[in-house]
C-alpha atoms as a PDB file:
ATOM      1  CA  MET A   1      14.059  10.261   9.914  1.00  0.00           C
ATOM      2  CA  ALA A   2      11.812  13.233  10.669  1.00  0.00           C
ATOM      3  CA  LEU A   3       8.548  13.956   9.017  1.00  0.00           C
ATOM      4  CA  THR A   4       8.317  17.558   7.661  1.00  0.00           C
ATOM      5  CA  VAL A   5       4.863  17.708   6.222  1.00  0.00           C
ATOM      6  CA  GLY A   6       4.074  21.434   6.235  1.00  0.00           C
ATOM      7  CA  GLN A   7       5.994  23.089   3.436  1.00  0.00           C
ATOM      8  CA  ALA A   8       3.768  22.060   0.733  1.00  0.00           C
ATOM      9  CA  PRO A   9       0.212  23.615   0.325  1.00  0.00           C
ATOM     10  CA  ARG A  10      -2.866  21.808   1.637  1.00  0.00           C
ATOM     11  CA  ALA A  11      -6.284  22.692   2.692  1.00  0.00           C
ATOM     12  CA  SER A  12      -6.853  24.501   5.971  1.00  0.00           C
ATOM     13  CA  GLY A  13      -9.119  22.869   8.683  1.00  0.00           C
ATOM     14  CA  ASP A  14      -9.094  19.753   6.605  1.00  0.00           C
ATOM     15  CA  GLU A  15     -10.419  16.686   8.749  1.00  0.00           C
ATOM     16  CA  PHE A  16      -7.690  14.439   6.951  1.00  0.00           C
ATOM     17  CA  TRP A  17      -4.789  16.581   8.089  1.00  0.00           C
ATOM     18  CA  GLY A  18      -6.224  16.998  11.562  1.00  0.00           C
ATOM     19  CA  HIS A  19      -5.391  13.293  12.002  1.00  0.00           C
ATOM     20  CA  TRP A  20      -2.487  12.711   9.371  1.00  0.00           C
ATOM     21  CA  GLY A  21      -0.531  15.746   9.937  1.00  0.00           C
ATOM     22  CA  ASP A  22       0.474  14.830  13.465  1.00  0.00           C
ATOM     23  CA  GLY A  23       3.941  13.620  12.490  1.00  0.00           C
ATOM     24  CA  LYS A  24       3.226   9.827  13.236  1.00  0.00           C
ATOM     25  CA  ALA A  25       2.703   6.909  10.918  1.00  0.00           C
ATOM     26  CA  GLU A  26      -0.172   4.263  11.185  1.00  0.00           C
ATOM     27  CA  LEU A  27       1.376   0.718  11.586  1.00  0.00           C
ATOM     28  CA  ASP A  28      -0.871  -2.179  10.979  1.00  0.00           C
ATOM     29  CA  GLY A  29       0.076  -5.858  11.619  1.00  0.00           C
ATOM     30  CA  TYR A  30      -1.428  -8.586   9.942  1.00  0.00           C
ATOM     31  CA  ALA A  31      -1.359 -12.582   9.985  1.00  0.00           C
ATOM     32  CA  LEU A  32      -0.728 -13.300   6.074  1.00  0.00           C
ATOM     33  CA  THR A  33      -1.608 -16.325   4.173  1.00  0.00           C
ATOM     34  CA  GLN A  34       0.413 -16.041   0.940  1.00  0.00           C
ATOM     35  CA  PRO A  35       0.117 -18.385  -2.240  1.00  0.00           C
ATOM     36  CA  ARG A  36       3.652 -19.314  -3.611  1.00  0.00           C
ATOM     37  CA  TYR A  37       4.856 -22.504  -5.315  1.00  0.00           C
ATOM     38  CA  GLY A  38       1.563 -24.031  -5.362  1.00  0.00           C
ATOM     39  CA  ALA A  39       1.018 -23.900  -1.645  1.00  0.00           C
ATOM     40  CA  LEU A  40      -0.360 -21.485   0.845  1.00  0.00           C
ATOM     41  CA  ARG A  41       2.317 -19.966   3.161  1.00  0.00           C
ATOM     42  CA  GLU A  42       1.685 -18.513   6.471  1.00  0.00           C
ATOM     43  CA  GLY A  43       3.522 -15.317   7.265  1.00  0.00           C
ATOM     44  CA  THR A  44       3.066 -11.734   8.303  1.00  0.00           C
ATOM     45  CA  ALA A  45       2.453  -8.176   6.714  1.00  0.00           C
ATOM     46  CA  VAL A  46       2.685  -4.745   7.954  1.00  0.00           C
ATOM     47  CA  LEU A  47       1.105  -1.776   6.444  1.00  0.00           C
ATOM     48  CA  ILE A  48       2.730   1.500   7.116  1.00  0.00           C
ATOM     49  CA  PHE A  49       0.678   4.738   6.197  1.00  0.00           C
ATOM     50  CA  VAL A  50       2.507   8.170   6.731  1.00  0.00           C
ATOM     51  CA  THR A  51       2.309  11.599   5.158  1.00  0.00           C
ATOM     52  CA  GLU A  52       5.285  13.364   4.086  1.00  0.00           C
ATOM     53  CA  ASP A  53       6.469  16.213   1.621  1.00  0.00           C
ATOM     54  CA  PHE A  54       7.500  15.010  -1.697  1.00  0.00           C
ATOM     55  CA  SER A  55      10.038  16.401  -4.291  1.00  0.00           C
ATOM     56  CA  ASP A  56       8.540  16.303  -7.762  1.00  0.00           C
ATOM     57  CA  SER A  57      11.823  16.599  -9.670  1.00  0.00           C
ATOM     58  CA  LEU A  58      13.589  13.878  -7.672  1.00  0.00           C
ATOM     59  CA  ARG A  59      10.502  11.782  -6.661  1.00  0.00           C
ATOM     60  CA  VAL A  60      11.777  11.278  -3.200  1.00  0.00           C
ATOM     61  CA  LYS A  61      10.940  12.550   0.126  1.00  0.00           C
ATOM     62  CA  ALA A  62      11.771  16.177   0.277  1.00  0.00           C
ATOM     63  CA  ASP A  63      14.106  17.431   3.153  1.00  0.00           C
ATOM     64  CA  PRO A  64      13.109  20.899   4.621  1.00  0.00           C
ATOM     65  CA  GLY A  65      14.526  23.824   2.915  1.00  0.00           C
ATOM     66  CA  LYS A  66      16.269  21.912  -0.104  1.00  0.00           C
ATOM     67  CA  HIS A  67      13.642  22.542  -2.567  1.00  0.00           C
ATOM     68  CA  PRO A  68      11.478  25.416  -4.030  1.00  0.00           C
ATOM     69  CA  LYS A  69       7.686  25.261  -2.926  1.00  0.00           C
ATOM     70  CA  SER A  70       6.866  24.856  -6.501  1.00  0.00           C
ATOM     71  CA  ASP A  71       8.658  21.417  -6.412  1.00  0.00           C
ATOM     72  CA  VAL A  72       7.107  20.066  -3.331  1.00  0.00           C
ATOM     73  CA  TYR A  73       3.680  18.657  -2.663  1.00  0.00           C
ATOM     74  CA  PRO A  74       2.323  16.328   0.074  1.00  0.00           C
ATOM     75  CA  VAL A  75       1.815  12.575  -0.432  1.00  0.00           C
ATOM     76  CA  LEU A  76       0.585   9.764   1.593  1.00  0.00           C
ATOM     77  CA  LYS A  77       3.092   6.839   1.493  1.00  0.00           C
ATOM     78  CA  LEU A  78       2.252   3.257   1.902  1.00  0.00           C
ATOM     79  CA  ASN A  79       4.945   0.744   2.753  1.00  0.00           C
ATOM     80  CA  PHE A  80       3.463  -2.750   2.329  1.00  0.00           C
ATOM     81  CA  VAL A  81       5.855  -5.273   3.947  1.00  0.00           C
ATOM     82  CA  ARG A  82       5.235  -9.148   3.420  1.00  0.00           C
ATOM     83  CA  ASP A  83       7.471 -11.983   5.190  1.00  0.00           C
ATOM     84  CA  PHE A  84       6.565 -15.575   4.662  1.00  0.00           C
ATOM     85  CA  GLN A  85       8.476 -18.730   4.703  1.00  0.00           C
ATOM     86  CA  THR A  86       8.824 -21.267   1.577  1.00  0.00           C
ATOM     87  CA  GLY A  87      10.393 -24.487   2.886  1.00  0.00           C
ATOM     88  CA  ILE A  88      13.902 -23.796   3.910  1.00  0.00           C
ATOM     89  CA  TYR A  89      13.981 -20.311   2.865  1.00  0.00           C
ATOM     90  CA  ASP A  90      11.895 -17.012   3.307  1.00  0.00           C
ATOM     91  CA  TYR A  91      10.795 -14.211   1.070  1.00  0.00           C
ATOM     92  CA  ASN A  92      10.746 -10.570   2.133  1.00  0.00           C
ATOM     93  CA  LEU A  93       8.735  -8.146  -0.192  1.00  0.00           C
ATOM     94  CA  LEU A  94       8.414  -4.666   0.062  1.00  0.00           C
ATOM     95  CA  THR A  95       6.056  -2.236  -2.117  1.00  0.00           C
ATOM     96  CA  SER A  96       6.298   1.665  -1.572  1.00  0.00           C
ATOM     97  CA  THR A  97       3.309   3.714  -3.080  1.00  0.00           C
ATOM     98  CA  PHE A  98       3.239   7.339  -3.019  1.00  0.00           C
ATOM     99  CA  ALA A  99      -0.212   9.136  -3.697  1.00  0.00           C
ATOM    100  CA  ARG A 100      -0.931  12.828  -3.835  1.00  0.00           C
ATOM    101  CA  THR A 101      -3.111  13.808  -0.873  1.00  0.00           C
ATOM    102  CA  GLU A 102      -4.975  16.831  -2.389  1.00  0.00           C
ATOM    103  CA  PHE A 103      -8.380  16.109  -3.634  1.00  0.00           C
ATOM    104  CA  GLN A 104      -8.940  15.358  -7.354  1.00  0.00           C
ATOM    105  CA  PRO A 105     -12.465  14.438  -8.114  1.00  0.00           C
ATOM    106  CA  ALA A 106     -11.837  12.714 -11.426  1.00  0.00           C
ATOM    107  CA  ALA A 107      -8.971  10.764  -9.978  1.00  0.00           C
ATOM    108  CA  PRO A 108      -8.345  10.883  -6.249  1.00  0.00           C
ATOM    109  CA  TRP A 109      -5.295   9.745  -4.830  1.00  0.00           C
ATOM    110  CA  PRO A 110      -3.156   9.833  -8.003  1.00  0.00           C
ATOM    111  CA  VAL A 111      -0.041   7.482  -7.826  1.00  0.00           C
ATOM    112  CA  VAL A 112       3.168   9.558  -8.434  1.00  0.00           C
ATOM    113  CA  LYS A 113       5.640   6.693  -7.876  1.00  0.00           C
ATOM    114  CA  THR A 114       5.593   3.011  -6.908  1.00  0.00           C
ATOM    115  CA  SER A 115       8.646   0.991  -6.210  1.00  0.00           C
ATOM    116  CA  PHE A 116       8.858  -2.815  -5.485  1.00  0.00           C
ATOM    117  CA  SER A 117      11.810  -5.008  -3.956  1.00  0.00           C
ATOM    118  CA  ALA A 118      12.022  -8.829  -3.442  1.00  0.00           C
ATOM    119  CA  GLN A 119      14.623 -10.590  -1.520  1.00  0.00           C
ATOM    120  CA  GLU A 120      14.822 -14.223  -1.100  1.00  0.00           C
ATOM    121  CA  TRP A 121      17.424 -16.895  -0.981  1.00  0.00           C
ATOM    122  CA  CYS A 122      17.722 -17.350  -4.849  1.00  0.00           C
ATOM    123  CA  GLY A 123      18.344 -13.559  -5.502  1.00  0.00           C
ATOM    124  CA  HIS A 124      16.526 -10.263  -5.351  1.00  0.00           C
ATOM    125  CA  ALA A 125      14.597  -7.958  -7.708  1.00  0.00           C
ATOM    126  CA  TYR A 126      13.711  -4.406  -7.931  1.00  0.00           C
ATOM    127  CA  GLN A 127      11.185  -2.224  -9.969  1.00  0.00           C
ATOM    128  CA  GLN A 128      10.251   1.374 -10.053  1.00  0.00           C
ATOM    129  CA  LEU A 129       7.515   3.300 -12.005  1.00  0.00           C
ATOM    130  CA  LEU A 130       7.227   7.136 -12.135  1.00  0.00           C
ATOM    131  CA  ALA A 131       3.984   8.824 -13.342  1.00  0.00           C
ATOM    132  CA  ARG A 132       4.607  11.837 -15.373  1.00  0.00           C
ATOM    133  CA  ALA A 133       2.388  13.467 -18.355  1.00  0.00           C
ATOM    134  CA  GLY A 134      -0.093  10.635 -18.435  1.00  0.00           C
ATOM    135  CA  ALA A 135       2.286   7.849 -18.744  1.00  0.00           C
ATOM    136  CA  LEU A 136       4.295   5.500 -16.354  1.00  0.00           C
ATOM    137  CA  ALA A 137       8.101   4.972 -16.834  1.00  0.00           C
ATOM    138  CA  GLY A 138      10.502   2.940 -15.053  1.00  0.00           C
ATOM    139  CA  ILE A 139      13.094   0.279 -14.730  1.00  0.00           C
ATOM    140  CA  ALA A 140      13.253  -3.324 -13.500  1.00  0.00           C
ATOM    141  CA  HIS A 141      16.175  -5.478 -12.469  1.00  0.00           C
ATOM    142  CA  SER A 142      15.974  -9.179 -11.621  1.00  0.00           C
ATOM    143  CA  TYR A 143      18.248 -12.201 -11.234  1.00  0.00           C
ATOM    144  CA  PHE A 144      16.161 -14.329 -13.695  1.00  0.00           C
ATOM    145  CA  ASP A 145      17.526 -14.913 -17.057  1.00  0.00           C
ATOM    146  CA  GLY A 146      15.553 -12.674 -19.671  1.00  0.00           C
ATOM    147  CA  GLU A 147      14.395 -10.389 -16.884  1.00  0.00           C
ATOM    148  CA  ALA A 148      17.761  -8.772 -15.885  1.00  0.00           C
ATOM    149  CA  ASP A 149      17.655  -5.261 -16.810  1.00  0.00           C
ATOM    150  CA  ARG A 150      14.579  -3.603 -18.523  1.00  0.00           C
ATOM    151  CA  GLU A 151      13.141  -0.266 -19.173  1.00  0.00           C
ATOM    152  CA  LEU A 152       9.290   0.055 -18.581  1.00  0.00           C
ATOM    153  CA  ALA A 153       6.848   2.235 -20.320  1.00  0.00           C
ATOM    154  CA  LEU A 154       2.961   2.246 -19.872  1.00  0.00           C
ATOM    155  CA  PRO A 155       0.267   4.588 -20.319  1.00  0.00           C
ATOM    156  CA  TYR A 156      -1.541   6.001 -17.228  1.00  0.00           C
ATOM    157  CA  PRO A 157      -5.307   6.578 -18.004  1.00  0.00           C
ATOM    158  CA  THR A 158      -6.778   9.490 -15.909  1.00  0.00           C
ATOM    159  CA  THR A 159      -9.103   6.975 -14.273  1.00  0.00           C
ATOM    160  CA  GLY A 160      -6.671   4.161 -14.158  1.00  0.00           C
ATOM    161  CA  VAL A 161      -5.962   2.401 -10.858  1.00  0.00           C
ATOM    162  CA  LEU A 162      -2.622   0.718  -9.955  1.00  0.00           C
ATOM    163  CA  GLU A 163      -3.267  -2.297  -7.775  1.00  0.00           C
ATOM    164  CA  GLU A 164      -0.664  -0.985  -5.315  1.00  0.00           C
ATOM    165  CA  ALA A 165      -3.047   1.977  -4.501  1.00  0.00           C
ATOM    166  CA  LEU A 166      -6.159  -0.331  -3.486  1.00  0.00           C
ATOM    167  CA  PRO A 167      -5.012  -0.181   0.307  1.00  0.00           C
ATOM    168  CA  ILE A 168      -5.275   3.561   0.200  1.00  0.00           C
ATOM    169  CA  LEU A 169      -8.455   3.925  -1.914  1.00  0.00           C
ATOM    170  CA  VAL A 170     -10.779   1.596  -0.173  1.00  0.00           C
ATOM    171  CA  ARG A 171      -9.874   3.378   3.164  1.00  0.00           C
ATOM    172  CA  GLY A 172     -11.815   6.555   1.895  1.00  0.00           C
ATOM    173  CA  LEU A 173      -9.640   8.774   4.008  1.00  0.00           C
ATOM    174  CA  ARG A 174     -10.819  11.885   2.030  1.00  0.00           C
ATOM    175  CA  GLY A 175     -14.424  10.723   1.296  1.00  0.00           C
ATOM    176  CA  ALA A 176     -15.714   7.338   0.001  1.00  0.00           C
ATOM    177  CA  TRP A 177     -13.990   6.043  -3.144  1.00  0.00           C
ATOM    178  CA  ILE A 178     -17.512   4.925  -4.195  1.00  0.00           C
ATOM    179  CA  GLY A 179     -20.868   5.151  -2.595  1.00  0.00           C
ATOM    180  CA  ALA A 180     -22.543   2.471  -0.561  1.00  0.00           C
ATOM    181  CA  GLY A 181     -24.165  -0.124  -2.942  1.00  0.00           C
ATOM    182  CA  GLU A 182     -22.517   1.415  -6.079  1.00  0.00           C
ATOM    183  CA  SER A 183     -20.128  -0.216  -8.529  1.00  0.00           C
ATOM    184  CA  ARG A 184     -17.497   1.108 -11.027  1.00  0.00           C
ATOM    185  CA  THR A 185     -15.550  -0.568 -13.802  1.00  0.00           C
ATOM    186  CA  ILE A 186     -11.897   1.067 -14.059  1.00  0.00           C
ATOM    187  CA  PRO A 187      -8.627   0.505 -15.956  1.00  0.00           C
ATOM    188  CA  PHE A 188      -6.567  -1.584 -13.622  1.00  0.00           C
ATOM    189  CA  LEU A 189      -3.014  -2.286 -13.644  1.00  0.00           C
ATOM    190  CA  PRO A 190      -2.013  -5.630 -11.584  1.00  0.00           C
ATOM    191  CA  SER A 191       0.840  -4.862  -9.301  1.00  0.00           C
ATOM    192  CA  ALA A 192       4.741  -5.175  -9.681  1.00  0.00           C
ATOM    193  CA  MET A 193       4.746  -7.898  -7.087  1.00  0.00           C
ATOM    194  CA  ARG A 194       2.460 -10.064  -9.114  1.00  0.00           C
ATOM    195  CA  ALA A 195       4.382  -9.559 -12.198  1.00  0.00           C
ATOM    196  CA  ARG A 196       7.308 -10.607 -10.248  1.00  0.00           C
ATOM    197  CA  LEU A 197       5.844 -13.803  -8.690  1.00  0.00           C
ATOM    198  CA  GLU A 198       4.048 -14.873 -11.918  1.00  0.00           C
ATOM    199  CA  HIS A 199       6.847 -13.759 -14.186  1.00  0.00           C
ATOM    200  CA  LYS A 200       4.258 -11.879 -16.435  1.00  0.00           C
ATOM    201  CA  PRO A 201       4.557  -8.203 -17.781  1.00  0.00           C
ATOM    202  CA  GLN A 202       2.351  -5.626 -16.413  1.00  0.00           C
ATOM    203  CA  VAL A 203      -0.449  -4.978 -18.741  1.00  0.00           C
ATOM    204  CA  TRP A 204      -3.624  -2.738 -18.262  1.00  0.00           C
ATOM    205  CA  GLY A 205      -6.909  -4.500 -17.887  1.00  0.00           C
ATOM    206  CA  GLU A 206     -10.029  -3.894 -16.226  1.00  0.00           C
ATOM    207  CA  ALA A 207     -11.588  -4.378 -12.746  1.00  0.00           C
ATOM    208  CA  THR A 208     -14.979  -3.793 -11.342  1.00  0.00           C
ATOM    209  CA  VAL A 209     -15.152  -2.312  -7.881  1.00  0.00           C
ATOM    210  CA  GLN A 210     -18.353  -2.892  -5.862  1.00  0.00           C
ATOM    211  CA  ARG A 211     -19.134  -1.604  -2.274  1.00  0.00           C
ATOM    212  CA  ALA A 212     -21.554  -3.332  -0.313  1.00  0.00           C
ATOM    213  CA  ALA A 213     -24.795  -1.475   0.238  1.00  0.00           C
ATOM    214  CA  GLN A 214     -24.799  -1.809   3.901  1.00  0.00           C
ATOM    215  CA  ALA A 215     -22.054  -1.903   6.476  1.00  0.00           C
ATOM    216  CA  SER A 216     -21.931  -5.209   8.637  1.00  0.00           C
ATOM    217  CA  THR A 217     -20.760  -5.944  12.159  1.00  0.00           C
ATOM    218  CA  VAL A 218     -17.439  -7.974  12.216  1.00  0.00           C
ATOM    219  CA  ALA A 219     -15.162  -9.326  15.010  1.00  0.00           C
ATOM    220  CA  SER A 220     -11.805  -8.078  15.030  1.00  0.00           C
ATOM    221  CA  VAL A 221      -8.749  -7.703  17.405  1.00  0.00           C
ATOM    222  CA  LEU A 222     -10.037  -4.274  17.862  1.00  0.00           C
ATOM    223  CA  GLY A 223     -13.424  -5.467  19.047  1.00  0.00           C
ATOM    224  CA  LYS A 224     -16.846  -5.685  17.314  1.00  0.00           C
ATOM    225  CA  LEU A 225     -16.974  -3.006  14.554  1.00  0.00           C
ATOM    226  CA  SER A 226     -19.099  -1.767  11.800  1.00  0.00           C
ATOM    227  CA  ALA A 227     -17.386  -2.481   8.589  1.00  0.00           C
ATOM    228  CA  ASP A 228     -17.689  -1.747   4.920  1.00  0.00           C
ATOM    229  CA  THR A 229     -16.934  -4.286   2.312  1.00  0.00           C
ATOM    230  CA  TYR A 230     -15.440  -3.451  -1.120  1.00  0.00           C
ATOM    231  CA  THR A 231     -14.938  -6.089  -3.772  1.00  0.00           C
ATOM    232  CA  VAL A 232     -12.578  -5.758  -6.691  1.00  0.00           C
ATOM    233  CA  GLU A 233     -13.271  -8.242  -9.634  1.00  0.00           C
ATOM    234  CA  GLU A 234     -10.601  -8.296 -12.230  1.00  0.00           C
ATOM    235  CA  ARG A 235     -11.714  -9.225 -15.753  1.00  0.00           C
ATOM    236  CA  GLY A 236      -9.727 -12.704 -16.432  1.00  0.00           C
ATOM    237  CA  GLY A 237      -8.236 -12.298 -13.017  1.00  0.00           C
ATOM    238  CA  PRO A 238      -8.675 -12.731  -9.272  1.00  0.00           C
ATOM    239  CA  THR A 239     -11.290 -11.222  -7.112  1.00  0.00           C
ATOM    240  CA  THR A 240     -10.467  -9.602  -3.917  1.00  0.00           C
ATOM    241  CA  THR A 241     -12.616  -8.581  -1.060  1.00  0.00           C
ATOM    242  CA  TRP A 242     -11.408  -5.880   1.305  1.00  0.00           C
ATOM    243  CA  THR A 243     -13.065  -5.347   4.945  1.00  0.00           C
ATOM    244  CA  ILE A 244     -12.714  -1.663   6.082  1.00  0.00           C
ATOM    245  CA  GLU A 245     -13.546  -0.159   9.475  1.00  0.00           C
ATOM    246  CA  ALA A 246     -16.514   2.014   8.874  1.00  0.00           C
ATOM    247  CA  GLY A 247     -15.692   4.630  11.396  1.00  0.00           C
ATOM    248  CA  ALA A 248     -12.555   6.841  11.230  1.00  0.00           C
ATOM    249  CA  PRO A 249      -9.592   6.070  10.693  1.00  0.00           C
ATOM    250  CA  HIS A 250     -11.047   3.493   8.404  1.00  0.00           C
ATOM    251  CA  ARG A 251      -8.388   0.853   9.031  1.00  0.00           C
ATOM    252  CA  ILE A 252      -8.133  -2.217   6.846  1.00  0.00           C
ATOM    253  CA  LEU A 253      -9.513  -5.089   9.021  1.00  0.00           C
ATOM    254  CA  ALA A 254      -8.856  -8.155   6.638  1.00  0.00           C
ATOM    255  CA  TRP A 255      -8.482  -8.960   2.951  1.00  0.00           C
ATOM    256  CA  LYS A 256      -9.132 -11.987   0.990  1.00  0.00           C
ATOM    257  CA  SER A 257      -8.262 -13.093  -2.538  1.00  0.00           C
ATOM    258  CA  SER A 258      -9.591 -15.929  -4.768  1.00  0.00           C
ATOM    259  CA  THR A 259      -5.874 -16.698  -5.078  1.00  0.00           C
ATOM    260  CA  GLY A 260      -5.823 -18.006  -1.576  1.00  0.00           C
ATOM    261  CA  GLU A 261      -4.169 -14.939  -0.263  1.00  0.00           C
ATOM    262  CA  ALA A 262      -5.747 -13.521   2.804  1.00  0.00           C
ATOM    263  CA  ALA A 263      -4.962 -11.369   5.894  1.00  0.00           C
ATOM    264  CA  ARG A 264      -6.434 -10.321   9.202  1.00  0.00           C
ATOM    265  CA  LEU A 265      -5.510  -7.404  11.325  1.00  0.00           C
ATOM    266  CA  LEU A 266      -3.400  -8.263  14.606  1.00  0.00           C
ATOM    267  CA  GLY A 267      -2.840  -4.835  15.934  1.00  0.00           C
ATOM    268  CA  SER A 268      -2.735  -1.192  15.029  1.00  0.00           C
ATOM    269  CA  ALA A 269      -0.617   1.880  16.481  1.00  0.00           C
ATOM    270  CA  ARG A 270       0.429   5.346  15.476  1.00  0.00           C
ATOM    271  CA  LEU A 271       4.045   5.662  16.207  1.00  0.00           C
ATOM    272  CA  ALA A 272       6.914   7.758  15.206  1.00  0.00           C
ATOM    273  CA  TYR A 273       8.568   4.195  14.299  1.00  0.00           C
ATOM    274  CA  TRP A 274      11.827   5.743  12.935  1.00  0.00           C
ATOM    275  CA  ASP A 275      12.732   6.802  16.318  1.00  0.00           C
ATOM    276  CA  LEU A 276      12.407   3.185  17.822  1.00  0.00           C
ATOM    277  CA  HIS A 277      15.695   1.723  16.297  1.00  0.00           C
ATOM    278  CA  ASP A 278      17.638   1.393  19.420  1.00  0.00           C
ATOM    279  CA  PRO A 279      17.618  -1.955  21.626  1.00  0.00           C
ATOM    280  CA  GLY A 280      14.270  -2.286  23.391  1.00  0.00           C
ATOM    281  CA  GLY A 281      12.305  -0.688  20.572  1.00  0.00           C
ATOM    282  CA  GLU A 282      11.306  -4.093  19.345  1.00  0.00           C
ATOM    283  CA  ALA A 283       8.771  -3.928  22.237  1.00  0.00           C
ATOM    284  CA  ALA A 284       6.493  -1.790  20.344  1.00  0.00           C
ATOM    285  CA  LEU A 285       5.835  -4.844  18.003  1.00  0.00           C
ATOM    286  CA  LYS A 286       3.440  -6.084  20.524  1.00  0.00           C
ATOM    287  CA  GLN A 287       1.148  -3.137  19.654  1.00  0.00           C
ATOM    288  CA  LEU A 288       1.000  -4.586  16.020  1.00  0.00           C
ATOM    289  CA  GLY A 289       0.337  -8.131  17.238  1.00  0.00           C
ATOM    290  CA  LEU A 290       3.926  -9.165  16.007  1.00  0.00           C
ATOM    291  CA  ARG A 291       7.060 -10.522  17.746  1.00  0.00           C
ATOM    292  CA  PRO A 292      10.820  -9.681  17.087  1.00  0.00           C
ATOM    293  CA  ALA A 293      12.187 -12.132  14.416  1.00  0.00           C
ATOM    294  CA  VAL A 294      15.064 -12.722  16.981  1.00  0.00           C
ATOM    295  CA  PRO A 295      14.089 -12.491  20.676  1.00  0.00           C
ATOM    296  CA  PRO A 296      16.293  -9.814  22.360  1.00  0.00           C
ATOM    297  CA  ARG A 297      19.177 -11.224  24.812  1.00  0.00           C
END
């Protein structure tokens, strides 16, 4: 796998591209607490942020030279990996979110695709949503009776926010999402992961996002840092607080939800991780504060 961002148009001299156009991904490892089956489970999470060129027609990463320029634009991809144990068996969850990088004041970081998969010892599930012409359309498959094979259709309000995009928005990678001390009420769509774990259909609701008036000093694995705090309060749902590194590159230091879900940063690195698949590559997990699932012989 090689990153090819460069074919699609983007702003020249842009501070964002000065950092994110280096052909590497940011990998952040977390200690995760995940509620499941009425108990809080301990596990790990990894957030992988990387830019790549994206085909609008196929809605996948665009290989160089295979598409006309009019079909390609740059996205920031977020792969959100969760692994945790539930008694004898484990859960492996992955959400991929693709957001357009180029600045749009009315709706920054518009999501063009999101997909979710869950693997655990009882079976697996998959869902995909594609954004087109002010709507979300997709498919869902599950091993559960009544959820096996479905087509999905939802509106996509101009200012609407998918929960999957929150880790991108709160980082303010191309300017703050909201100003210090400000709040905003937005259309809000709970994530596919929550829909799967709670066996509830995804329905648009509302959430109020508030940013703390002042940064605070927090202790982290990166040392004592100035941090911004965002609170996302869903109407009739949970409240989640995000703690964000105030200085660039604005990494997510921690998050905590009223559901009991919580995470704290264990380590961070910028790597071309797709080249680290040979024996010995697992040593780089130390930079993320993680250990190999099976120690190498």
